[in-house]
N, C-alpha and C. Protein backbone atom coordinates (compact mmCIF):
# COMPACT_ATOMS: atom_id res chain seq x y z
N MET A 1 76.22 -19.47 16.78
CA MET A 1 76.43 -19.98 15.44
C MET A 1 76.64 -18.81 14.50
N VAL A 2 77.38 -19.07 13.46
CA VAL A 2 77.56 -18.09 12.40
C VAL A 2 77.42 -18.82 11.07
N THR A 3 76.84 -18.14 10.11
CA THR A 3 76.73 -18.70 8.76
C THR A 3 77.04 -17.60 7.76
N PHE A 4 77.39 -18.03 6.56
CA PHE A 4 77.75 -17.11 5.50
C PHE A 4 76.83 -17.36 4.32
N PHE A 5 76.29 -16.29 3.74
CA PHE A 5 75.36 -16.44 2.63
C PHE A 5 75.93 -15.79 1.37
N GLU A 6 75.48 -16.30 0.24
CA GLU A 6 75.98 -15.84 -1.05
C GLU A 6 75.24 -14.61 -1.56
N ASP A 7 73.91 -14.61 -1.42
CA ASP A 7 73.11 -13.54 -1.99
C ASP A 7 71.80 -13.40 -1.21
N ASP A 8 70.95 -12.47 -1.62
CA ASP A 8 69.69 -12.25 -0.91
C ASP A 8 68.81 -13.49 -0.89
N GLY A 9 68.81 -14.25 -1.98
CA GLY A 9 68.00 -15.46 -2.03
C GLY A 9 68.40 -16.45 -0.94
N GLU A 10 69.69 -16.65 -0.78
CA GLU A 10 70.18 -17.56 0.26
C GLU A 10 69.91 -16.97 1.65
N PHE A 11 70.10 -15.67 1.79
CA PHE A 11 69.79 -15.00 3.07
C PHE A 11 68.34 -15.25 3.46
N LEU A 12 67.42 -15.00 2.52
CA LEU A 12 66.00 -15.16 2.81
C LEU A 12 65.67 -16.61 3.15
N SER A 13 66.27 -17.54 2.46
CA SER A 13 66.04 -18.96 2.72
C SER A 13 66.51 -19.36 4.12
N ILE A 14 67.69 -18.91 4.50
CA ILE A 14 68.23 -19.23 5.82
C ILE A 14 67.34 -18.65 6.92
N VAL A 15 66.95 -17.39 6.75
CA VAL A 15 66.14 -16.74 7.78
C VAL A 15 64.76 -17.38 7.88
N THR A 16 64.10 -17.62 6.75
CA THR A 16 62.75 -18.20 6.82
C THR A 16 62.79 -19.61 7.41
N ASP A 17 63.81 -20.39 7.08
CA ASP A 17 63.95 -21.73 7.69
C ASP A 17 64.13 -21.62 9.20
N PHE A 18 64.96 -20.69 9.63
CA PHE A 18 65.23 -20.47 11.06
C PHE A 18 63.96 -20.02 11.78
N VAL A 19 63.24 -19.09 11.19
CA VAL A 19 62.00 -18.57 11.79
C VAL A 19 60.96 -19.67 11.87
N LYS A 20 60.76 -20.39 10.77
CA LYS A 20 59.75 -21.46 10.75
C LYS A 20 60.07 -22.54 11.78
N ALA A 21 61.33 -22.96 11.85
CA ALA A 21 61.72 -23.99 12.82
C ALA A 21 61.46 -23.51 14.24
N GLY A 22 61.79 -22.27 14.53
CA GLY A 22 61.57 -21.72 15.87
C GLY A 22 60.09 -21.64 16.22
N LEU A 23 59.30 -21.09 15.31
CA LEU A 23 57.87 -20.96 15.59
C LEU A 23 57.20 -22.33 15.69
N ASP A 24 57.59 -23.26 14.81
CA ASP A 24 57.04 -24.62 14.87
C ASP A 24 57.37 -25.32 16.18
N ALA A 25 58.52 -24.98 16.78
CA ALA A 25 58.94 -25.58 18.05
C ALA A 25 58.29 -24.89 19.25
N GLY A 26 57.53 -23.82 18.99
CA GLY A 26 56.89 -23.09 20.08
C GLY A 26 57.79 -22.05 20.72
N ASP A 27 58.90 -21.75 20.09
CA ASP A 27 59.85 -20.79 20.63
C ASP A 27 59.53 -19.37 20.16
N SER A 28 60.26 -18.42 20.70
CA SER A 28 60.20 -17.03 20.24
C SER A 28 61.35 -16.80 19.28
N VAL A 29 61.12 -15.94 18.30
CA VAL A 29 62.14 -15.66 17.30
C VAL A 29 62.31 -14.16 17.17
N VAL A 30 63.57 -13.73 17.21
CA VAL A 30 63.93 -12.32 17.01
C VAL A 30 64.75 -12.24 15.73
N VAL A 31 64.32 -11.38 14.81
CA VAL A 31 65.04 -11.17 13.56
C VAL A 31 65.55 -9.73 13.56
N VAL A 32 66.87 -9.58 13.42
CA VAL A 32 67.49 -8.25 13.34
C VAL A 32 68.10 -8.15 11.95
N ALA A 33 67.50 -7.32 11.10
CA ALA A 33 67.95 -7.23 9.71
C ALA A 33 67.75 -5.81 9.19
N THR A 34 68.28 -5.57 8.01
CA THR A 34 68.09 -4.26 7.40
C THR A 34 66.62 -4.09 7.01
N GLY A 35 66.20 -2.86 6.87
CA GLY A 35 64.82 -2.59 6.45
C GLY A 35 64.51 -3.26 5.12
N GLU A 36 65.46 -3.23 4.21
CA GLU A 36 65.28 -3.87 2.90
C GLU A 36 65.05 -5.37 3.06
N HIS A 37 65.85 -6.01 3.89
CA HIS A 37 65.68 -7.45 4.09
C HIS A 37 64.38 -7.76 4.85
N LEU A 38 64.01 -6.92 5.80
CA LEU A 38 62.76 -7.15 6.52
C LEU A 38 61.57 -7.09 5.56
N ALA A 39 61.58 -6.16 4.63
CA ALA A 39 60.50 -6.06 3.64
C ALA A 39 60.46 -7.31 2.76
N LYS A 40 61.62 -7.78 2.33
CA LYS A 40 61.67 -9.01 1.52
C LYS A 40 61.23 -10.22 2.33
N LEU A 41 61.59 -10.23 3.61
CA LEU A 41 61.17 -11.35 4.47
C LEU A 41 59.65 -11.39 4.61
N ASP A 42 59.02 -10.23 4.75
CA ASP A 42 57.56 -10.20 4.85
C ASP A 42 56.91 -10.85 3.63
N ILE A 43 57.47 -10.60 2.46
CA ILE A 43 56.95 -11.21 1.23
C ILE A 43 57.17 -12.72 1.26
N GLU A 44 58.35 -13.15 1.71
CA GLU A 44 58.66 -14.58 1.80
C GLU A 44 57.77 -15.29 2.82
N TYR A 45 57.55 -14.66 3.97
CA TYR A 45 56.66 -15.26 4.97
C TYR A 45 55.28 -15.50 4.38
N ALA A 46 54.76 -14.51 3.67
CA ALA A 46 53.44 -14.65 3.05
C ALA A 46 53.45 -15.77 2.02
N ARG A 47 54.48 -15.80 1.18
CA ARG A 47 54.57 -16.83 0.15
C ARG A 47 54.65 -18.23 0.75
N LEU A 48 55.38 -18.36 1.85
CA LEU A 48 55.56 -19.66 2.50
C LEU A 48 54.51 -19.96 3.56
N GLN A 49 53.57 -19.04 3.72
CA GLN A 49 52.49 -19.16 4.71
C GLN A 49 53.03 -19.34 6.13
N ILE A 50 54.03 -18.55 6.47
CA ILE A 50 54.55 -18.50 7.84
C ILE A 50 53.86 -17.32 8.50
N ASP A 51 53.01 -17.60 9.47
CA ASP A 51 52.17 -16.56 10.07
C ASP A 51 52.91 -15.81 11.18
N VAL A 52 53.81 -14.93 10.78
CA VAL A 52 54.57 -14.17 11.77
C VAL A 52 53.69 -13.13 12.46
N LYS A 53 52.63 -12.68 11.80
CA LYS A 53 51.75 -11.67 12.41
C LYS A 53 51.07 -12.24 13.65
N ALA A 54 50.58 -13.47 13.56
CA ALA A 54 49.95 -14.11 14.73
C ALA A 54 50.98 -14.32 15.83
N ALA A 55 52.18 -14.75 15.45
CA ALA A 55 53.25 -14.96 16.43
C ALA A 55 53.65 -13.64 17.08
N GLU A 56 53.65 -12.57 16.30
CA GLU A 56 54.01 -11.25 16.83
C GLU A 56 53.01 -10.78 17.88
N LEU A 57 51.75 -11.07 17.66
CA LEU A 57 50.70 -10.66 18.61
C LEU A 57 50.87 -11.27 19.99
N VAL A 58 51.47 -12.46 20.06
CA VAL A 58 51.66 -13.13 21.35
C VAL A 58 53.12 -13.09 21.81
N GLY A 59 53.91 -12.22 21.20
CA GLY A 59 55.30 -12.04 21.63
C GLY A 59 56.27 -13.10 21.19
N ARG A 60 55.87 -13.90 20.20
CA ARG A 60 56.75 -14.98 19.74
C ARG A 60 57.55 -14.61 18.50
N TYR A 61 57.28 -13.46 17.90
CA TYR A 61 58.05 -12.99 16.76
C TYR A 61 58.33 -11.50 16.94
N ILE A 62 59.59 -11.15 16.88
CA ILE A 62 60.02 -9.76 17.04
C ILE A 62 60.97 -9.45 15.90
N GLN A 63 60.70 -8.38 15.16
CA GLN A 63 61.65 -7.98 14.13
C GLN A 63 62.15 -6.57 14.41
N LEU A 64 63.44 -6.41 14.22
CA LEU A 64 64.11 -5.14 14.50
C LEU A 64 64.98 -4.74 13.31
N ASP A 65 64.99 -3.46 13.00
CA ASP A 65 65.82 -2.94 11.92
C ASP A 65 67.21 -2.63 12.47
N THR A 66 68.22 -3.14 11.81
CA THR A 66 69.60 -2.93 12.27
C THR A 66 69.93 -1.45 12.41
N ASN A 67 69.39 -0.63 11.51
CA ASN A 67 69.70 0.81 11.55
C ASN A 67 69.07 1.50 12.76
N ASP A 68 68.02 0.91 13.32
CA ASP A 68 67.42 1.44 14.54
C ASP A 68 68.12 0.91 15.78
N VAL A 69 68.52 -0.36 15.75
CA VAL A 69 69.10 -1.02 16.92
C VAL A 69 70.55 -0.61 17.17
N TYR A 70 71.35 -0.58 16.12
CA TYR A 70 72.79 -0.37 16.30
C TYR A 70 73.11 0.90 17.10
N PRO A 71 72.51 2.05 16.79
CA PRO A 71 72.85 3.25 17.57
C PRO A 71 72.53 3.12 19.07
N THR A 72 71.55 2.29 19.41
CA THR A 72 71.19 2.13 20.82
C THR A 72 72.20 1.27 21.58
N LEU A 73 73.10 0.61 20.85
CA LEU A 73 74.12 -0.24 21.47
C LEU A 73 75.42 0.51 21.71
N LEU A 74 75.44 1.79 21.33
CA LEU A 74 76.67 2.57 21.37
C LEU A 74 76.71 3.57 22.51
N SER A 75 77.91 3.82 22.95
CA SER A 75 78.20 4.92 23.86
C SER A 75 79.43 5.61 23.31
N GLN A 76 79.30 6.86 22.99
CA GLN A 76 80.40 7.64 22.40
C GLN A 76 80.91 6.97 21.12
N GLY A 77 79.98 6.43 20.32
CA GLY A 77 80.33 5.86 19.03
C GLY A 77 80.94 4.47 19.05
N TRP A 78 80.93 3.82 20.21
CA TRP A 78 81.57 2.51 20.35
C TRP A 78 80.61 1.55 21.02
N PRO A 79 80.52 0.27 20.57
CA PRO A 79 79.64 -0.69 21.23
C PRO A 79 79.93 -0.78 22.73
N ASP A 80 78.89 -0.62 23.51
CA ASP A 80 79.02 -0.55 24.96
C ASP A 80 78.27 -1.71 25.61
N GLN A 81 78.93 -2.42 26.51
CA GLN A 81 78.33 -3.59 27.14
C GLN A 81 77.06 -3.24 27.90
N ASP A 82 77.05 -2.14 28.64
CA ASP A 82 75.86 -1.76 29.40
C ASP A 82 74.69 -1.43 28.47
N CYS A 83 74.96 -0.70 27.41
CA CYS A 83 73.90 -0.38 26.43
C CYS A 83 73.37 -1.66 25.80
N PHE A 84 74.28 -2.55 25.40
CA PHE A 84 73.91 -3.82 24.79
C PHE A 84 73.04 -4.63 25.75
N ASP A 85 73.48 -4.74 27.00
CA ASP A 85 72.73 -5.51 27.99
C ASP A 85 71.33 -4.94 28.21
N THR A 86 71.21 -3.62 28.25
CA THR A 86 69.91 -2.98 28.46
C THR A 86 68.97 -3.27 27.29
N VAL A 87 69.45 -3.07 26.07
CA VAL A 87 68.63 -3.30 24.89
C VAL A 87 68.23 -4.77 24.79
N MET A 88 69.19 -5.67 24.97
CA MET A 88 68.88 -7.09 24.84
C MET A 88 67.98 -7.58 25.96
N ALA A 89 68.10 -7.04 27.16
CA ALA A 89 67.20 -7.42 28.25
C ALA A 89 65.76 -7.08 27.88
N GLU A 90 65.56 -5.91 27.27
CA GLU A 90 64.21 -5.52 26.84
C GLU A 90 63.68 -6.46 25.76
N VAL A 91 64.52 -6.79 24.79
CA VAL A 91 64.10 -7.69 23.71
C VAL A 91 63.81 -9.08 24.27
N LEU A 92 64.70 -9.59 25.10
CA LEU A 92 64.49 -10.93 25.67
C LEU A 92 63.25 -10.97 26.55
N GLN A 93 62.99 -9.91 27.28
CA GLN A 93 61.80 -9.86 28.13
C GLN A 93 60.54 -9.99 27.28
N ARG A 94 60.54 -9.38 26.11
CA ARG A 94 59.38 -9.46 25.22
C ARG A 94 59.16 -10.88 24.71
N GLY A 95 60.25 -11.62 24.48
CA GLY A 95 60.12 -12.94 23.89
C GLY A 95 60.17 -14.10 24.85
N ARG A 96 60.58 -13.85 26.07
CA ARG A 96 60.78 -14.92 27.04
C ARG A 96 59.46 -15.33 27.69
N MET A 97 59.24 -16.64 27.74
CA MET A 97 58.11 -17.22 28.45
C MET A 97 58.59 -18.56 29.01
N PRO A 98 57.94 -19.07 30.05
CA PRO A 98 58.37 -20.37 30.60
C PRO A 98 58.37 -21.46 29.52
N GLY A 99 59.46 -22.19 29.47
CA GLY A 99 59.57 -23.30 28.53
C GLY A 99 59.84 -22.88 27.09
N ARG A 100 60.01 -21.61 26.86
CA ARG A 100 60.22 -21.11 25.50
C ARG A 100 61.66 -20.64 25.32
N VAL A 101 62.30 -21.12 24.29
CA VAL A 101 63.64 -20.68 23.93
C VAL A 101 63.52 -19.43 23.07
N VAL A 102 64.40 -18.48 23.26
CA VAL A 102 64.46 -17.31 22.38
C VAL A 102 65.55 -17.57 21.35
N ARG A 103 65.16 -17.49 20.09
CA ARG A 103 66.10 -17.67 18.99
C ARG A 103 66.27 -16.34 18.29
N CYS A 104 67.50 -15.94 18.10
CA CYS A 104 67.80 -14.65 17.47
C CYS A 104 68.66 -14.87 16.23
N ILE A 105 68.23 -14.31 15.14
CA ILE A 105 69.01 -14.38 13.90
C ILE A 105 69.18 -12.96 13.39
N GLY A 106 70.37 -12.66 12.92
CA GLY A 106 70.53 -11.30 12.46
C GLY A 106 71.78 -11.02 11.68
N GLU A 107 71.74 -9.82 11.10
CA GLU A 107 72.86 -9.37 10.27
C GLU A 107 73.44 -8.06 10.78
N ILE A 108 73.14 -7.70 12.02
CA ILE A 108 73.66 -6.43 12.52
C ILE A 108 75.19 -6.41 12.47
N VAL A 109 75.82 -7.52 12.79
CA VAL A 109 77.29 -7.57 12.75
C VAL A 109 77.80 -7.41 11.32
N ALA A 110 77.07 -7.96 10.37
CA ALA A 110 77.47 -7.84 8.96
C ALA A 110 77.36 -6.40 8.48
N VAL A 111 76.33 -5.71 8.93
CA VAL A 111 76.15 -4.31 8.54
C VAL A 111 77.28 -3.46 9.11
N VAL A 112 77.62 -3.70 10.36
CA VAL A 112 78.71 -2.95 10.99
C VAL A 112 80.04 -3.27 10.29
N TRP A 113 80.26 -4.55 9.97
CA TRP A 113 81.47 -4.96 9.26
C TRP A 113 81.56 -4.26 7.90
N ALA A 114 80.44 -4.22 7.18
CA ALA A 114 80.41 -3.60 5.85
C ALA A 114 80.73 -2.11 5.91
N ARG A 115 80.47 -1.48 7.02
CA ARG A 115 80.81 -0.06 7.20
C ARG A 115 82.30 0.14 7.44
N GLY A 116 83.03 -0.96 7.55
CA GLY A 116 84.46 -0.87 7.81
C GLY A 116 84.79 -0.80 9.29
N GLU A 117 83.80 -0.98 10.13
CA GLU A 117 83.99 -0.91 11.58
C GLU A 117 84.32 -2.31 12.11
N HIS A 118 85.47 -2.82 11.71
CA HIS A 118 85.83 -4.20 12.02
C HIS A 118 86.04 -4.43 13.51
N ALA A 119 86.72 -3.53 14.18
CA ALA A 119 86.94 -3.69 15.63
C ALA A 119 85.60 -3.64 16.38
N ALA A 120 84.70 -2.78 15.94
CA ALA A 120 83.38 -2.69 16.57
C ALA A 120 82.60 -3.99 16.35
N THR A 121 82.75 -4.57 15.17
CA THR A 121 82.08 -5.84 14.87
C THR A 121 82.56 -6.94 15.81
N ILE A 122 83.86 -7.04 15.97
CA ILE A 122 84.42 -8.07 16.85
C ILE A 122 83.94 -7.84 18.29
N ARG A 123 83.89 -6.59 18.70
CA ARG A 123 83.38 -6.27 20.04
C ARG A 123 81.92 -6.73 20.18
N LEU A 124 81.10 -6.45 19.17
CA LEU A 124 79.71 -6.91 19.20
C LEU A 124 79.63 -8.43 19.26
N GLU A 125 80.46 -9.10 18.48
CA GLU A 125 80.46 -10.57 18.50
C GLU A 125 80.76 -11.09 19.91
N HIS A 126 81.69 -10.48 20.59
CA HIS A 126 82.00 -10.90 21.96
C HIS A 126 80.83 -10.61 22.90
N MET A 127 80.12 -9.53 22.67
CA MET A 127 78.94 -9.23 23.50
C MET A 127 77.85 -10.27 23.27
N TRP A 128 77.63 -10.64 22.00
CA TRP A 128 76.63 -11.68 21.71
C TRP A 128 77.04 -13.00 22.38
N LYS A 129 78.33 -13.34 22.30
CA LYS A 129 78.80 -14.59 22.92
C LYS A 129 78.56 -14.57 24.42
N LYS A 130 78.85 -13.45 25.05
CA LYS A 130 78.62 -13.32 26.49
C LYS A 130 77.14 -13.50 26.81
N LEU A 131 76.27 -12.94 25.97
CA LEU A 131 74.83 -13.08 26.18
C LEU A 131 74.41 -14.55 26.09
N VAL A 132 74.90 -15.25 25.08
CA VAL A 132 74.57 -16.66 24.90
C VAL A 132 75.06 -17.48 26.09
N ASP A 133 76.20 -17.11 26.64
CA ASP A 133 76.76 -17.84 27.78
C ASP A 133 75.90 -17.73 29.03
N VAL A 134 75.11 -16.66 29.16
CA VAL A 134 74.31 -16.48 30.38
C VAL A 134 72.81 -16.68 30.16
N GLU A 135 72.37 -16.68 28.92
CA GLU A 135 70.94 -16.84 28.62
C GLU A 135 70.70 -18.17 27.92
N HIS A 136 69.50 -18.69 28.11
CA HIS A 136 69.10 -19.90 27.39
C HIS A 136 68.50 -19.45 26.06
N MET A 137 69.37 -19.32 25.07
CA MET A 137 68.92 -18.84 23.77
C MET A 137 69.82 -19.36 22.66
N VAL A 138 69.36 -19.20 21.45
CA VAL A 138 70.11 -19.60 20.26
C VAL A 138 70.32 -18.35 19.43
N ILE A 139 71.55 -18.14 18.98
CA ILE A 139 71.85 -16.99 18.12
C ILE A 139 72.52 -17.49 16.85
N LEU A 140 72.04 -16.98 15.73
CA LEU A 140 72.67 -17.25 14.44
C LEU A 140 73.03 -15.91 13.80
N CYS A 141 74.33 -15.64 13.73
CA CYS A 141 74.83 -14.42 13.08
C CYS A 141 75.06 -14.73 11.61
N MET A 142 74.80 -13.74 10.76
CA MET A 142 74.92 -13.95 9.32
C MET A 142 75.81 -12.89 8.68
N TYR A 143 76.67 -13.36 7.79
CA TYR A 143 77.54 -12.46 7.02
C TYR A 143 77.47 -12.85 5.55
N PRO A 144 77.50 -11.88 4.65
CA PRO A 144 77.66 -12.24 3.24
C PRO A 144 79.08 -12.74 3.01
N ARG A 145 79.22 -13.77 2.21
CA ARG A 145 80.56 -14.31 1.94
C ARG A 145 81.50 -13.24 1.38
N ARG A 146 80.95 -12.34 0.58
CA ARG A 146 81.79 -11.32 -0.06
C ARG A 146 82.46 -10.40 0.96
N ALA A 147 81.95 -10.37 2.18
CA ALA A 147 82.53 -9.50 3.22
C ALA A 147 83.96 -9.89 3.54
N PHE A 148 84.31 -11.15 3.26
CA PHE A 148 85.64 -11.63 3.61
C PHE A 148 86.46 -12.01 2.38
N GLU A 149 86.06 -11.50 1.21
CA GLU A 149 86.78 -11.83 -0.03
C GLU A 149 88.16 -11.21 -0.06
N ARG A 150 88.27 -9.99 0.43
CA ARG A 150 89.58 -9.33 0.43
C ARG A 150 90.46 -9.96 1.49
N ASP A 151 91.62 -9.42 1.67
CA ASP A 151 92.57 -9.98 2.63
C ASP A 151 92.12 -9.68 4.06
N MET A 152 91.11 -10.39 4.50
CA MET A 152 90.55 -10.16 5.83
C MET A 152 90.62 -11.44 6.66
N ALA A 153 91.64 -12.25 6.43
CA ALA A 153 91.74 -13.53 7.13
C ALA A 153 91.70 -13.36 8.65
N PHE A 154 92.37 -12.34 9.17
CA PHE A 154 92.37 -12.12 10.61
C PHE A 154 90.95 -11.85 11.11
N GLY A 155 90.24 -10.99 10.41
CA GLY A 155 88.87 -10.67 10.81
C GLY A 155 87.98 -11.89 10.79
N LEU A 156 88.11 -12.70 9.75
CA LEU A 156 87.32 -13.92 9.65
C LEU A 156 87.65 -14.85 10.81
N GLN A 157 88.92 -14.99 11.14
CA GLN A 157 89.31 -15.84 12.27
C GLN A 157 88.67 -15.35 13.57
N GLU A 158 88.67 -14.05 13.77
CA GLU A 158 88.08 -13.48 14.99
C GLU A 158 86.57 -13.72 15.03
N VAL A 159 85.90 -13.55 13.90
CA VAL A 159 84.46 -13.79 13.83
C VAL A 159 84.17 -15.26 14.15
N VAL A 160 84.88 -16.15 13.50
CA VAL A 160 84.67 -17.59 13.70
C VAL A 160 84.97 -17.98 15.15
N ARG A 161 85.99 -17.42 15.72
CA ARG A 161 86.41 -17.76 17.09
C ARG A 161 85.31 -17.47 18.13
N THR A 162 84.45 -16.52 17.86
CA THR A 162 83.42 -16.16 18.84
C THR A 162 82.18 -17.04 18.75
N HIS A 163 82.18 -18.02 17.84
CA HIS A 163 81.01 -18.87 17.65
C HIS A 163 81.33 -20.33 17.91
N SER A 164 80.36 -21.04 18.46
CA SER A 164 80.56 -22.46 18.75
C SER A 164 80.35 -23.32 17.51
N ILE A 165 79.54 -22.84 16.58
CA ILE A 165 79.25 -23.59 15.35
C ILE A 165 79.39 -22.64 14.17
N VAL A 166 80.07 -23.11 13.13
CA VAL A 166 80.22 -22.34 11.90
C VAL A 166 79.57 -23.13 10.78
N LYS A 167 78.60 -22.51 10.10
CA LYS A 167 77.94 -23.14 8.96
C LYS A 167 78.39 -22.42 7.70
N HIS A 168 78.65 -23.17 6.66
CA HIS A 168 79.12 -22.56 5.41
C HIS A 168 78.01 -22.46 4.41
């Protein structure tokens, strides 16, 4: 799935709803976001009384900073399938338990897109799609709407094409 958000308020609302739904269902949730957004999410979790700390202790909540994760997915400056598979296997192993779905929400692709690395973003999107095709998991990718305001119709088409569901 992919969704587009207008501002930080909408971003926080989408993520907290996704996290709460996953934890309430007994699933594991992985959040990949910028450090700034992770800090804001911690405040929102407390305000909404979503106990991610308890979930984290039992491996049901994992948060990762995009700036830490993205370099580990690269080989010679380009997203690499083997690197991606290794990193995601480790993350999934932490969250996987019998009968538990792993739900991943993140903005790593949006961060890479914002850097102007459009081809790398599309490559990452295809890697995520491949992962979803072989794993029992749910992924929600997030982009700010402003990322596609300029003449980026081709890029938007490529992003949308890699997802089974598009939410506006």
